[in-house]
C-alpha atoms as a PDB file:
ATOM      1  CA  MET A   1       0.151   0.006  -0.108  1.00  0.00           C
ATOM      2  CA  THR A   2       1.840   3.538  -0.849  1.00  0.00           C
ATOM      3  CA  ALA A   3       1.715   6.413   1.155  1.00  0.00           C
ATOM      4  CA  GLU A   4      -1.430   7.699  -1.172  1.00  0.00           C
ATOM      5  CA  SER A   5      -3.750   5.565  -1.374  1.00  0.00           C
ATOM      6  CA  THR A   6      -3.101   5.296   2.532  1.00  0.00           C
ATOM      7  CA  GLY A   7      -3.896   8.676   2.597  1.00  0.00           C
ATOM      8  CA  THR A   8      -7.165   8.210   0.599  1.00  0.00           C
ATOM      9  CA  ALA A   9      -7.757   5.319   2.496  1.00  0.00           C
ATOM     10  CA  ALA A  10      -7.496   7.567   5.529  1.00  0.00           C
ATOM     11  CA  LEU A  11      -9.744  10.559   4.688  1.00  0.00           C
ATOM     12  CA  ARG A  12     -12.468   8.522   2.912  1.00  0.00           C
ATOM     13  CA  GLU A  13     -12.992   7.361   6.628  1.00  0.00           C
ATOM     14  CA  ALA A  14     -12.801  10.275   7.896  1.00  0.00           C
ATOM     15  CA  TYR A  15     -14.608  11.766   5.619  1.00  0.00           C
ATOM     16  CA  GLY A  16     -17.578   9.096   4.574  1.00  0.00           C
ATOM     17  CA  THR A  17     -17.109   9.894   0.849  1.00  0.00           C
ATOM     18  CA  SER A  18     -14.981   8.903  -1.835  1.00  0.00           C
ATOM     19  CA  THR A  19     -12.433  11.819  -2.244  1.00  0.00           C
ATOM     20  CA  VAL A  20     -11.123  13.263  -5.864  1.00  0.00           C
ATOM     21  CA  GLN A  21      -7.859  14.680  -6.971  1.00  0.00           C
ATOM     22  CA  SER A  22      -7.159  18.340  -8.015  1.00  0.00           C
ATOM     23  CA  GLY A  23      -3.886  20.160  -8.031  1.00  0.00           C
ATOM     24  CA  GLN A  24      -3.224  23.161  -5.439  1.00  0.00           C
ATOM     25  CA  GLY A  25      -0.224  24.135  -3.228  1.00  0.00           C
ATOM     26  CA  GLY A  26       0.497  24.751  -0.353  1.00  0.00           C
ATOM     27  CA  SER A  27      -2.392  24.154   2.542  1.00  0.00           C
ATOM     28  CA  ILE A  28      -2.658  26.920   5.201  1.00  0.00           C
ATOM     29  CA  PRO A  29      -4.087  29.459   1.927  1.00  0.00           C
ATOM     30  CA  LEU A  30      -6.276  26.603   0.788  1.00  0.00           C
ATOM     31  CA  CYS A  31      -7.871  25.812   3.858  1.00  0.00           C
ATOM     32  CA  THR A  32      -8.821  29.615   4.261  1.00  0.00           C
ATOM     33  CA  VAL A  33     -10.136  29.745   0.713  1.00  0.00           C
ATOM     34  CA  LEU A  34     -12.350  26.653   1.684  1.00  0.00           C
ATOM     35  CA  ALA A  35     -13.499  27.960   4.108  1.00  0.00           C
ATOM     36  CA  ASP A  36     -14.699  31.048   2.964  1.00  0.00           C
ATOM     37  CA  HIS A  37     -16.031  29.318  -0.110  1.00  0.00           C
ATOM     38  CA  PHE A  38     -17.524  26.339   1.329  1.00  0.00           C
ATOM     39  CA  PRO A  39     -18.263  26.593   5.340  1.00  0.00           C
ATOM     40  CA  ALA A  40     -19.696  23.746   5.446  1.00  0.00           C
ATOM     41  CA  ALA A  41     -16.783  22.055   4.550  1.00  0.00           C
ATOM     42  CA  GLU A  42     -16.426  20.160   7.618  1.00  0.00           C
ATOM     43  CA  ILE A  43     -12.108  20.985   7.584  1.00  0.00           C
ATOM     44  CA  GLU A  44     -12.165  20.041  10.985  1.00  0.00           C
ATOM     45  CA  ARG A  45     -12.044  16.074   9.606  1.00  0.00           C
ATOM     46  CA  MET A  46      -8.848  16.826   8.347  1.00  0.00           C
ATOM     47  CA  ALA A  47      -7.278  16.265  11.514  1.00  0.00           C
ATOM     48  CA  PRO A  48      -8.781  12.885  12.329  1.00  0.00           C
ATOM     49  CA  ALA A  49      -8.280  12.306   8.482  1.00  0.00           C
ATOM     50  CA  GLU A  50      -4.377  12.454   9.053  1.00  0.00           C
ATOM     51  CA  ALA A  51      -4.397  10.721  12.663  1.00  0.00           C
ATOM     52  CA  LEU A  52      -6.113   7.506  10.831  1.00  0.00           C
ATOM     53  CA  PHE A  53      -3.483   7.841   7.764  1.00  0.00           C
ATOM     54  CA  LEU A  54      -0.512   7.874  10.403  1.00  0.00           C
ATOM     55  CA  ARG A  55      -1.751   5.232  12.329  1.00  0.00           C
ATOM     56  CA  SER A  56      -2.027   3.257   8.710  1.00  0.00           C
ATOM     57  CA  CYS A  57       1.403   3.931   8.424  1.00  0.00           C
ATOM     58  CA  ALA A  58       2.460   3.128  11.561  1.00  0.00           C
ATOM     59  CA  GLU A  59       0.851  -0.111  11.314  1.00  0.00           C
ATOM     60  CA  ALA A  60       2.067  -0.978   7.775  1.00  0.00           C
ATOM     61  CA  PHE A  61       5.974  -0.226   9.137  1.00  0.00           C
ATOM     62  CA  ALA A  62       5.766  -2.333  11.667  1.00  0.00           C
ATOM     63  CA  ARG A  63       4.184  -4.942   9.921  1.00  0.00           C
ATOM     64  CA  SER A  64       7.245  -4.283   7.504  1.00  0.00           C
ATOM     65  CA  ALA A  65       9.556  -4.454   9.734  1.00  0.00           C
ATOM     66  CA  GLY A  66       8.084  -7.665  11.309  1.00  0.00           C
ATOM     67  CA  ASN A  67       8.533  -9.376   8.026  1.00  0.00           C
ATOM     68  CA  ARG A  68      12.192  -8.585   8.120  1.00  0.00           C
ATOM     69  CA  GLU A  69      12.961  -9.821  10.673  1.00  0.00           C
ATOM     70  CA  ALA A  70      11.046 -12.915  10.647  1.00  0.00           C
ATOM     71  CA  ARG A  71      13.020 -13.415   6.930  1.00  0.00           C
ATOM     72  CA  GLY A  72      16.521 -12.332   9.169  1.00  0.00           C
ATOM     73  CA  SER A  73      15.971 -14.759  11.736  1.00  0.00           C
ATOM     74  CA  HIS A  74      15.532 -17.695   9.062  1.00  0.00           C
ATOM     75  CA  ASP A  75      17.980 -17.138   7.076  1.00  0.00           C
ATOM     76  CA  ALA A  76      19.876 -17.459  10.090  1.00  0.00           C
ATOM     77  CA  ASP A  77      19.065 -20.257  10.907  1.00  0.00           C
ATOM     78  CA  ALA A  78      20.703 -21.913   7.343  1.00  0.00           C
END
């Protein structure tokens, strides 16, 4: 799973809907523009989405590290 797909999954879980991609630079100015134009945009859900993304990344990292350790212990036994 890539960071992009993990982030997309976290956003989908936090917002309960699929994401769309739009080219835009810098999140801070974008948040102000969104809040001004779309007051019901629920930007506050970005914090839970970020937390879900980081949790998913940590879980994937732990699984990957565990797999590397398991392979290393098998290599030492051979």
